[in-house]
Amino acid sequence: MDSQVEIGLRMRIAGSMRSALGGPARDSKDGRDAPMRKTKRSENGDVILLKHTLAERLRAEIVKGVLRPGEKIVEGVWGRSLGVSQGSIREAINILAKEGFVTKALGRSARVVSLNAEDVKQIYQLRGAMEGLAARLAAERGCDTSKLEQALKTMRRSAEKDDVAVLLDANLAFHLELCRLSENSYLLEHSYRILPPFFAFVRIRAIVSGQSASLWAKDFAAYQRIIDFVKEGEGEIVEQYIKRMMVRIAETAYDSWEKKPSTLRS
C-alpha cells in the first residue's frame, strides 16, 4: 500500500497539475477574481481547508509562469486579488515553502524558488544517485513498467505537437514513477520534495525563453533504454546509466533553458 506521506504529496502535486490547465476562478458578472470560500470539498467529499486551496492556486501560478523565479509573493496583493486575508495567504505560502516552491527569509516577503547554475548541477548530481538507486531496486524486483512507457509515449506525442508544458508534466511523471517503483518510502518521499519544485523551475524558464520541445526530444532514446534495462532486470547497469545521464545533462541544462530555440543546435 502507498504510504500516507506519498499519498499526501501526490494529492498536492496532482492538484497543481490539474490547476495548471485552467485559469483562475472569475466572477461571472464583471470578470474579476471571485472571492475564495474558506473550505471546499474534494472529489471524494473531504473538506479542504482554505490554506490548501490557496496553496494550490499559487502553486499553479508558479507552474504556469505567472509568478516567475525570484519574484516576490506579496501577501497583501494576493489577499486582495483572491478576496482573503493576508494571514490566509501567509499560511498558503508556508505550505509552498515546505514543498520547495518558494523561499522565505525572516521579516521578508516570500519569493518563488530561483536556482543558479551551481544549484542545478548539484540537483542533477543528487538525482543521479537517487534515481539510479530507484531504477536498480525496480529492476531487481522485476516490476511493471507500463506507467513509465505511457509517460514516455506522452512525451513523444507532446514533442510532435511542440507542447512543452505537457511534455514536462509527462517527464516529471516518468521520474516520480521510477522512484515509486523502488518501493523505498524514504526515497519516494525525497523525490516528491525535490522533483516537482525543480520541474516547476524548469517549466518557468522554458516558458520565458520560448523553448521548443526538441530540446528534450533528443533524450527520448535514453528514456527507452532505462525502461528496457529495468524490464530486463539489469539493476547495476541501469543505475550507472542514469548516473552518467544526469552528469551529461547537468553540464548544459541551465544554459540550454535560457537559449532561444533558434540558437540551439539541431
C-alpha atoms as a PDB file:
ATOM      1  CA  MET A   1       0.000   0.000   0.000  1.00  0.00           C
ATOM      2  CA  ASP A   2       1.109   3.569  -0.598  1.00  0.00           C
ATOM      3  CA  SER A   3       2.443   5.425   2.447  1.00  0.00           C
ATOM      4  CA  GLN A   4       0.491   8.340   3.887  1.00  0.00           C
ATOM      5  CA  VAL A   5       3.405  10.649   3.006  1.00  0.00           C
ATOM      6  CA  GLU A   6       3.288   9.543  -0.623  1.00  0.00           C
ATOM      7  CA  ILE A   7      -0.492   9.905  -0.807  1.00  0.00           C
ATOM      8  CA  GLY A   8      -0.450  13.406   0.692  1.00  0.00           C
ATOM      9  CA  LEU A   9       2.339  14.672  -1.524  1.00  0.00           C
ATOM     10  CA  ARG A  10       0.854  13.053  -4.599  1.00  0.00           C
ATOM     11  CA  MET A  11      -2.520  14.713  -3.981  1.00  0.00           C
ATOM     12  CA  ARG A  12      -0.901  18.142  -3.706  1.00  0.00           C
ATOM     13  CA  ILE A  13       1.145  17.714  -6.880  1.00  0.00           C
ATOM     14  CA  ALA A  14      -1.794  16.246  -8.797  1.00  0.00           C
ATOM     15  CA  GLY A  15      -3.838  19.250  -7.739  1.00  0.00           C
ATOM     16  CA  SER A  16      -1.123  21.533  -9.067  1.00  0.00           C
ATOM     17  CA  MET A  17      -1.059  19.747 -12.419  1.00  0.00           C
ATOM     18  CA  ARG A  18      -4.852  19.952 -12.766  1.00  0.00           C
ATOM     19  CA  SER A  19      -4.924  23.608 -11.762  1.00  0.00           C
ATOM     20  CA  ALA A  20      -2.228  24.499 -14.273  1.00  0.00           C
ATOM     21  CA  LEU A  21      -4.562  23.525 -17.089  1.00  0.00           C
ATOM     22  CA  GLY A  22      -7.217  26.070 -16.149  1.00  0.00           C
ATOM     23  CA  GLY A  23      -7.360  29.776 -15.352  1.00  0.00           C
ATOM     24  CA  PRO A  24      -8.263  31.451 -12.082  1.00  0.00           C
ATOM     25  CA  ALA A  25     -11.826  31.485 -10.900  1.00  0.00           C
ATOM     26  CA  ARG A  26     -13.726  34.504 -12.234  1.00  0.00           C
ATOM     27  CA  ASP A  27     -16.858  36.266 -11.189  1.00  0.00           C
ATOM     28  CA  SER A  28     -19.442  35.737 -13.918  1.00  0.00           C
ATOM     29  CA  LYS A  29     -20.709  39.349 -13.730  1.00  0.00           C
ATOM     30  CA  ASP A  30     -17.636  41.527 -14.021  1.00  0.00           C
ATOM     31  CA  GLY A  31     -14.749  39.175 -14.832  1.00  0.00           C
ATOM     32  CA  ARG A  32     -12.845  39.852 -11.589  1.00  0.00           C
ATOM     33  CA  ASP A  33     -11.306  37.134  -9.437  1.00  0.00           C
ATOM     34  CA  ALA A  34     -14.052  35.605  -7.336  1.00  0.00           C
ATOM     35  CA  PRO A  35     -13.505  35.583  -3.540  1.00  0.00           C
ATOM     36  CA  MET A  36     -12.486  32.155  -2.312  1.00  0.00           C
ATOM     37  CA  ARG A  37     -14.513  30.185   0.194  1.00  0.00           C
ATOM     38  CA  LYS A  38     -12.937  29.162   3.475  1.00  0.00           C
ATOM     39  CA  THR A  39     -13.475  25.498   2.601  1.00  0.00           C
ATOM     40  CA  LYS A  40     -14.342  23.416  -0.416  1.00  0.00           C
ATOM     41  CA  ARG A  41     -14.891  19.734  -0.983  1.00  0.00           C
ATOM     42  CA  SER A  42     -12.670  17.355  -2.904  1.00  0.00           C
ATOM     43  CA  GLU A  43     -13.977  14.757  -5.339  1.00  0.00           C
ATOM     44  CA  ASN A  44     -14.411  12.248  -2.510  1.00  0.00           C
ATOM     45  CA  GLY A  45     -16.289  14.756  -0.330  1.00  0.00           C
ATOM     46  CA  ASP A  46     -13.486  15.605   2.113  1.00  0.00           C
ATOM     47  CA  VAL A  47     -13.333  19.221   3.282  1.00  0.00           C
ATOM     48  CA  ILE A  48     -10.215  21.046   2.072  1.00  0.00           C
ATOM     49  CA  LEU A  49      -9.019  23.923   4.263  1.00  0.00           C
ATOM     50  CA  LEU A  50      -8.627  27.371   2.721  1.00  0.00           C
ATOM     51  CA  LYS A  51      -4.850  27.396   3.126  1.00  0.00           C
ATOM     52  CA  HIS A  52      -4.531  24.275   0.976  1.00  0.00           C
ATOM     53  CA  THR A  53      -6.857  25.742  -1.659  1.00  0.00           C
ATOM     54  CA  LEU A  54      -4.808  28.942  -1.760  1.00  0.00           C
ATOM     55  CA  ALA A  55      -1.543  26.990  -1.894  1.00  0.00           C
ATOM     56  CA  GLU A  56      -2.895  25.066  -4.863  1.00  0.00           C
ATOM     57  CA  ARG A  57      -3.797  28.320  -6.615  1.00  0.00           C
ATOM     58  CA  LEU A  58      -0.393  29.922  -6.017  1.00  0.00           C
ATOM     59  CA  ARG A  59       1.385  26.706  -6.988  1.00  0.00           C
ATOM     60  CA  ALA A  60      -0.494  26.716 -10.283  1.00  0.00           C
ATOM     61  CA  GLU A  61       0.542  30.337 -10.910  1.00  0.00           C
ATOM     62  CA  ILE A  62       4.177  29.322 -10.374  1.00  0.00           C
ATOM     63  CA  VAL A  63       3.923  26.292 -12.646  1.00  0.00           C
ATOM     64  CA  LYS A  64       2.262  28.355 -15.403  1.00  0.00           C
ATOM     65  CA  GLY A  65       4.975  31.004 -15.201  1.00  0.00           C
ATOM     66  CA  VAL A  66       2.695  33.810 -13.978  1.00  0.00           C
ATOM     67  CA  LEU A  67       4.898  34.014 -10.883  1.00  0.00           C
ATOM     68  CA  ARG A  68       8.496  33.832 -12.104  1.00  0.00           C
ATOM     69  CA  PRO A  69      11.680  32.623 -10.387  1.00  0.00           C
ATOM     70  CA  GLY A  70      12.829  35.091  -7.757  1.00  0.00           C
ATOM     71  CA  GLU A  71       9.584  37.096  -7.857  1.00  0.00           C
ATOM     72  CA  LYS A  72       8.103  38.306  -4.563  1.00  0.00           C
ATOM     73  CA  ILE A  73       4.759  36.943  -3.429  1.00  0.00           C
ATOM     74  CA  VAL A  74       3.242  39.969  -1.703  1.00  0.00           C
ATOM     75  CA  GLU A  75       0.647  38.754   0.793  1.00  0.00           C
ATOM     76  CA  GLY A  76      -1.497  41.894   0.643  1.00  0.00           C
ATOM     77  CA  VAL A  77      -1.673  41.933  -3.147  1.00  0.00           C
ATOM     78  CA  TRP A  78      -2.681  38.282  -3.423  1.00  0.00           C
ATOM     79  CA  GLY A  79      -5.065  38.595  -0.487  1.00  0.00           C
ATOM     80  CA  ARG A  80      -6.948  41.415  -2.232  1.00  0.00           C
ATOM     81  CA  SER A  81      -6.865  39.582  -5.571  1.00  0.00           C
ATOM     82  CA  LEU A  82      -8.361  36.398  -4.125  1.00  0.00           C
ATOM     83  CA  GLY A  83     -10.622  38.038  -1.564  1.00  0.00           C
ATOM     84  CA  VAL A  84      -8.944  36.543   1.508  1.00  0.00           C
ATOM     85  CA  SER A  85      -6.895  37.809   4.448  1.00  0.00           C
ATOM     86  CA  GLN A  86      -3.129  38.229   4.428  1.00  0.00           C
ATOM     87  CA  GLY A  87      -2.976  35.611   7.160  1.00  0.00           C
ATOM     88  CA  SER A  88      -4.580  33.042   4.872  1.00  0.00           C
ATOM     89  CA  ILE A  89      -2.082  33.849   2.117  1.00  0.00           C
ATOM     90  CA  ARG A  90       0.743  33.537   4.651  1.00  0.00           C
ATOM     91  CA  GLU A  91      -0.440  30.069   5.648  1.00  0.00           C
ATOM     92  CA  ALA A  92      -0.555  29.040   1.987  1.00  0.00           C
ATOM     93  CA  ILE A  93       2.967  30.375   1.444  1.00  0.00           C
ATOM     94  CA  ASN A  94       4.194  28.328   4.408  1.00  0.00           C
ATOM     95  CA  ILE A  95       2.884  25.203   2.680  1.00  0.00           C
ATOM     96  CA  LEU A  96       4.682  26.109  -0.546  1.00  0.00           C
ATOM     97  CA  ALA A  97       7.886  26.801   1.393  1.00  0.00           C
ATOM     98  CA  LYS A  98       7.797  23.299   2.871  1.00  0.00           C
ATOM     99  CA  GLU A  99       7.295  21.866  -0.619  1.00  0.00           C
ATOM    100  CA  GLY A 100      10.223  23.860  -2.013  1.00  0.00           C
ATOM    101  CA  PHE A 101       8.304  26.099  -4.419  1.00  0.00           C
ATOM    102  CA  VAL A 102       9.132  29.304  -2.533  1.00  0.00           C
ATOM    103  CA  THR A 103      11.835  30.530  -0.185  1.00  0.00           C
ATOM    104  CA  LYS A 104      11.300  32.646   2.924  1.00  0.00           C
ATOM    105  CA  ALA A 105      13.641  34.790   4.994  1.00  0.00           C
ATOM    106  CA  LEU A 106      12.751  36.225   8.392  1.00  0.00           C
ATOM    107  CA  GLY A 107      10.927  39.541   8.015  1.00  0.00           C
ATOM    108  CA  ARG A 108      10.906  39.442   4.218  1.00  0.00           C
ATOM    109  CA  SER A 109       8.391  38.548   1.539  1.00  0.00           C
ATOM    110  CA  ALA A 110       8.486  35.020   0.166  1.00  0.00           C
ATOM    111  CA  ARG A 111       9.978  34.570  -3.286  1.00  0.00           C
ATOM    112  CA  VAL A 112       9.436  31.968  -5.969  1.00  0.00           C
ATOM    113  CA  VAL A 113      12.297  29.480  -5.960  1.00  0.00           C
ATOM    114  CA  SER A 114      15.191  30.578  -8.130  1.00  0.00           C
ATOM    115  CA  LEU A 115      18.111  28.286  -8.905  1.00  0.00           C
ATOM    116  CA  ASN A 116      21.507  29.233 -10.289  1.00  0.00           C
ATOM    117  CA  ALA A 117      23.754  27.077 -12.468  1.00  0.00           C
ATOM    118  CA  GLU A 118      25.537  25.514  -9.479  1.00  0.00           C
ATOM    119  CA  ASP A 119      22.217  24.701  -7.776  1.00  0.00           C
ATOM    120  CA  VAL A 120      21.023  22.915 -10.913  1.00  0.00           C
ATOM    121  CA  LYS A 121      24.265  20.963 -11.213  1.00  0.00           C
ATOM    122  CA  GLN A 122      24.038  19.793  -7.595  1.00  0.00           C
ATOM    123  CA  ILE A 123      20.396  18.765  -8.001  1.00  0.00           C
ATOM    124  CA  TYR A 124      21.308  16.655 -11.014  1.00  0.00           C
ATOM    125  CA  GLN A 125      24.101  15.046  -9.000  1.00  0.00           C
ATOM    126  CA  LEU A 126      21.595  14.156  -6.289  1.00  0.00           C
ATOM    127  CA  ARG A 127      19.077  12.936  -8.849  1.00  0.00           C
ATOM    128  CA  GLY A 128      21.689  10.663 -10.417  1.00  0.00           C
ATOM    129  CA  ALA A 129      22.281   8.935  -7.098  1.00  0.00           C
ATOM    130  CA  MET A 130      18.629   8.864  -6.078  1.00  0.00           C
ATOM    131  CA  GLU A 131      17.026   7.832  -9.367  1.00  0.00           C
ATOM    132  CA  GLY A 132      19.876   5.460 -10.182  1.00  0.00           C
ATOM    133  CA  LEU A 133      19.190   3.628  -6.925  1.00  0.00           C
ATOM    134  CA  ALA A 134      15.448   3.668  -7.620  1.00  0.00           C
ATOM    135  CA  ALA A 135      15.959   2.096 -11.046  1.00  0.00           C
ATOM    136  CA  ARG A 136      18.289  -0.575  -9.650  1.00  0.00           C
ATOM    137  CA  LEU A 137      15.770  -1.540  -6.958  1.00  0.00           C
ATOM    138  CA  ALA A 138      12.963  -1.589  -9.530  1.00  0.00           C
ATOM    139  CA  ALA A 139      14.996  -3.782 -11.887  1.00  0.00           C
ATOM    140  CA  GLU A 140      15.929  -6.209  -9.125  1.00  0.00           C
ATOM    141  CA  ARG A 141      12.287  -6.528  -8.116  1.00  0.00           C
ATOM    142  CA  GLY A 142      11.034  -7.163 -11.643  1.00  0.00           C
ATOM    143  CA  CYS A 143       8.215  -4.619 -11.776  1.00  0.00           C
ATOM    144  CA  ASP A 144       5.519  -3.398 -14.151  1.00  0.00           C
ATOM    145  CA  THR A 145       6.924  -0.629 -16.373  1.00  0.00           C
ATOM    146  CA  SER A 146       3.657   0.205 -18.139  1.00  0.00           C
ATOM    147  CA  LYS A 147       3.338   3.640 -16.483  1.00  0.00           C
ATOM    148  CA  LEU A 148       6.905   4.509 -17.474  1.00  0.00           C
ATOM    149  CA  GLU A 149       6.095   3.517 -21.040  1.00  0.00           C
ATOM    150  CA  GLN A 150       2.899   5.586 -21.006  1.00  0.00           C
ATOM    151  CA  ALA A 151       4.765   8.647 -19.718  1.00  0.00           C
ATOM    152  CA  LEU A 152       7.352   8.301 -22.496  1.00  0.00           C
ATOM    153  CA  LYS A 153       4.589   7.885 -25.063  1.00  0.00           C
ATOM    154  CA  THR A 154       3.000  11.122 -23.831  1.00  0.00           C
ATOM    155  CA  MET A 155       6.362  12.886 -24.063  1.00  0.00           C
ATOM    156  CA  ARG A 156       6.759  11.774 -27.684  1.00  0.00           C
ATOM    157  CA  ARG A 157       3.264  12.952 -28.631  1.00  0.00           C
ATOM    158  CA  SER A 158       3.827  16.285 -26.888  1.00  0.00           C
ATOM    159  CA  ALA A 159       7.101  16.796 -28.732  1.00  0.00           C
ATOM    160  CA  GLU A 160       5.335  16.242 -32.052  1.00  0.00           C
ATOM    161  CA  LYS A 161       2.858  18.966 -31.081  1.00  0.00           C
ATOM    162  CA  ASP A 162       5.631  21.146 -29.611  1.00  0.00           C
ATOM    163  CA  ASP A 163       3.702  21.261 -26.327  1.00  0.00           C
ATOM    164  CA  VAL A 164       6.461  21.888 -23.792  1.00  0.00           C
ATOM    165  CA  ALA A 165       4.130  22.142 -20.764  1.00  0.00           C
ATOM    166  CA  VAL A 166       2.546  18.720 -21.303  1.00  0.00           C
ATOM    167  CA  LEU A 167       5.935  17.224 -22.172  1.00  0.00           C
ATOM    168  CA  LEU A 168       7.425  18.415 -18.880  1.00  0.00           C
ATOM    169  CA  ASP A 169       4.424  17.128 -16.916  1.00  0.00           C
ATOM    170  CA  ALA A 170       4.932  13.696 -18.506  1.00  0.00           C
ATOM    171  CA  ASN A 171       8.679  13.934 -17.881  1.00  0.00           C
ATOM    172  CA  LEU A 172       8.036  14.600 -14.199  1.00  0.00           C
ATOM    173  CA  ALA A 173       5.571  11.704 -14.090  1.00  0.00           C
ATOM    174  CA  PHE A 174       8.231   9.386 -15.540  1.00  0.00           C
ATOM    175  CA  HIS A 175      10.785  10.227 -12.852  1.00  0.00           C
ATOM    176  CA  LEU A 176       8.282  10.055  -9.990  1.00  0.00           C
ATOM    177  CA  GLU A 177       7.019   6.692 -11.231  1.00  0.00           C
ATOM    178  CA  LEU A 178      10.587   5.385 -11.429  1.00  0.00           C
ATOM    179  CA  CYS A 179      11.079   6.356  -7.784  1.00  0.00           C
ATOM    180  CA  ARG A 180       7.749   4.797  -6.832  1.00  0.00           C
ATOM    181  CA  LEU A 181       8.753   1.500  -8.414  1.00  0.00           C
ATOM    182  CA  SER A 182      11.679   1.297  -5.984  1.00  0.00           C
ATOM    183  CA  GLU A 183       9.176   0.680  -3.158  1.00  0.00           C
ATOM    184  CA  ASN A 184      11.531   2.603  -0.886  1.00  0.00           C
ATOM    185  CA  SER A 185       9.302   5.007   1.045  1.00  0.00           C
ATOM    186  CA  TYR A 186      12.177   7.283   2.110  1.00  0.00           C
ATOM    187  CA  LEU A 187      13.466   7.608  -1.439  1.00  0.00           C
ATOM    188  CA  LEU A 188       9.958   8.302  -2.676  1.00  0.00           C
ATOM    189  CA  GLU A 189       9.341  10.978  -0.043  1.00  0.00           C
ATOM    190  CA  HIS A 190      12.506  12.834  -1.045  1.00  0.00           C
ATOM    191  CA  SER A 191      11.678  12.532  -4.734  1.00  0.00           C
ATOM    192  CA  TYR A 192       8.387  14.362  -4.135  1.00  0.00           C
ATOM    193  CA  ARG A 193      10.205  17.104  -2.246  1.00  0.00           C
ATOM    194  CA  ILE A 194      12.893  17.608  -4.890  1.00  0.00           C
ATOM    195  CA  LEU A 195      11.403  16.856  -8.304  1.00  0.00           C
ATOM    196  CA  PRO A 196       8.123  18.878  -8.504  1.00  0.00           C
ATOM    197  CA  PRO A 197       9.703  22.219  -7.448  1.00  0.00           C
ATOM    198  CA  PHE A 198      12.666  21.549  -9.746  1.00  0.00           C
ATOM    199  CA  PHE A 199      10.407  20.812 -12.707  1.00  0.00           C
ATOM    200  CA  ALA A 200       8.335  23.906 -11.895  1.00  0.00           C
ATOM    201  CA  PHE A 201      11.523  25.968 -12.157  1.00  0.00           C
ATOM    202  CA  VAL A 202      12.440  24.290 -15.470  1.00  0.00           C
ATOM    203  CA  ARG A 203       8.948  24.919 -16.810  1.00  0.00           C
ATOM    204  CA  ILE A 204       9.084  28.612 -15.950  1.00  0.00           C
ATOM    205  CA  ARG A 205      12.476  29.014 -17.629  1.00  0.00           C
ATOM    206  CA  ALA A 206      11.260  27.172 -20.720  1.00  0.00           C
ATOM    207  CA  ILE A 207       8.138  29.335 -20.998  1.00  0.00           C
ATOM    208  CA  VAL A 208      10.035  32.596 -20.539  1.00  0.00           C
ATOM    209  CA  SER A 209      12.662  31.717 -23.168  1.00  0.00           C
ATOM    210  CA  GLY A 210      10.131  30.229 -25.606  1.00  0.00           C
ATOM    211  CA  GLN A 211      11.820  26.840 -25.775  1.00  0.00           C
ATOM    212  CA  SER A 212      10.936  24.209 -28.348  1.00  0.00           C
ATOM    213  CA  ALA A 213      10.108  20.657 -27.249  1.00  0.00           C
ATOM    214  CA  SER A 214      13.003  19.471 -29.421  1.00  0.00           C
ATOM    215  CA  LEU A 215      15.325  20.365 -26.537  1.00  0.00           C
ATOM    216  CA  TRP A 216      14.002  17.343 -24.611  1.00  0.00           C
ATOM    217  CA  ALA A 217      13.166  15.073 -27.553  1.00  0.00           C
ATOM    218  CA  LYS A 218      16.811  14.183 -28.117  1.00  0.00           C
ATOM    219  CA  ASP A 219      16.814  12.243 -24.811  1.00  0.00           C
ATOM    220  CA  PHE A 220      13.825  10.011 -25.590  1.00  0.00           C
ATOM    221  CA  ALA A 221      16.123   7.166 -26.663  1.00  0.00           C
ATOM    222  CA  ALA A 222      17.815   7.329 -23.261  1.00  0.00           C
ATOM    223  CA  TYR A 223      14.452   7.066 -21.509  1.00  0.00           C
ATOM    224  CA  GLN A 224      13.619   3.998 -23.588  1.00  0.00           C
ATOM    225  CA  ARG A 225      16.909   2.379 -22.597  1.00  0.00           C
ATOM    226  CA  ILE A 226      16.110   2.970 -18.926  1.00  0.00           C
ATOM    227  CA  ILE A 227      12.789   1.197 -19.383  1.00  0.00           C
ATOM    228  CA  ASP A 228      14.466  -1.683 -21.233  1.00  0.00           C
ATOM    229  CA  PHE A 229      17.161  -2.104 -18.576  1.00  0.00           C
ATOM    230  CA  VAL A 230      14.527  -2.194 -15.801  1.00  0.00           C
ATOM    231  CA  LYS A 231      12.431  -4.748 -17.700  1.00  0.00           C
ATOM    232  CA  GLU A 232      15.497  -6.919 -18.302  1.00  0.00           C
ATOM    233  CA  GLY A 233      16.472  -6.837 -14.621  1.00  0.00           C
ATOM    234  CA  GLU A 234      19.791  -5.079 -15.283  1.00  0.00           C
ATOM    235  CA  GLY A 235      19.966  -3.281 -11.940  1.00  0.00           C
ATOM    236  CA  GLU A 236      23.646  -2.339 -11.792  1.00  0.00           C
ATOM    237  CA  ILE A 237      23.733  -1.323 -15.450  1.00  0.00           C
ATOM    238  CA  VAL A 238      20.684   0.965 -15.232  1.00  0.00           C
ATOM    239  CA  GLU A 239      21.975   2.581 -12.040  1.00  0.00           C
ATOM    240  CA  GLN A 240      25.262   3.560 -13.687  1.00  0.00           C
ATOM    241  CA  TYR A 241      23.485   4.561 -16.900  1.00  0.00           C
ATOM    242  CA  ILE A 242      21.239   7.044 -15.062  1.00  0.00           C
ATOM    243  CA  LYS A 243      24.166   8.494 -13.105  1.00  0.00           C
ATOM    244  CA  ARG A 244      26.098   9.150 -16.329  1.00  0.00           C
ATOM    245  CA  MET A 245      22.956  10.544 -17.986  1.00  0.00           C
ATOM    246  CA  MET A 246      22.422  13.048 -15.164  1.00  0.00           C
ATOM    247  CA  VAL A 247      26.060  14.155 -15.274  1.00  0.00           C
ATOM    248  CA  ARG A 248      25.783  14.735 -19.026  1.00  0.00           C
ATOM    249  CA  ILE A 249      22.552  16.727 -18.757  1.00  0.00           C
ATOM    250  CA  ALA A 250      23.855  18.789 -15.826  1.00  0.00           C
ATOM    251  CA  GLU A 251      26.692  20.188 -17.921  1.00  0.00           C
ATOM    252  CA  THR A 252      24.405  22.055 -20.334  1.00  0.00           C
ATOM    253  CA  ALA A 253      20.903  22.126 -18.804  1.00  0.00           C
ATOM    254  CA  TYR A 254      20.940  25.553 -17.173  1.00  0.00           C
ATOM    255  CA  ASP A 255      22.295  27.384 -20.218  1.00  0.00           C
ATOM    256  CA  SER A 256      20.027  25.441 -22.598  1.00  0.00           C
ATOM    257  CA  TRP A 257      16.889  26.579 -20.774  1.00  0.00           C
ATOM    258  CA  GLU A 258      17.912  30.187 -21.382  1.00  0.00           C
ATOM    259  CA  LYS A 259      18.637  29.896 -25.105  1.00  0.00           C
ATOM    260  CA  LYS A 260      16.048  30.662 -27.723  1.00  0.00           C
ATOM    261  CA  PRO A 261      15.116  27.690 -29.947  1.00  0.00           C
ATOM    262  CA  SER A 262      16.786  29.285 -32.981  1.00  0.00           C
ATOM    263  CA  THR A 263      20.157  29.257 -31.223  1.00  0.00           C
ATOM    264  CA  LEU A 264      20.006  25.581 -30.214  1.00  0.00           C
ATOM    265  CA  ARG A 265      21.974  23.014 -32.135  1.00  0.00           C
ATOM    266  CA  SER A 266      19.921  20.510 -34.126  1.00  0.00           C
END
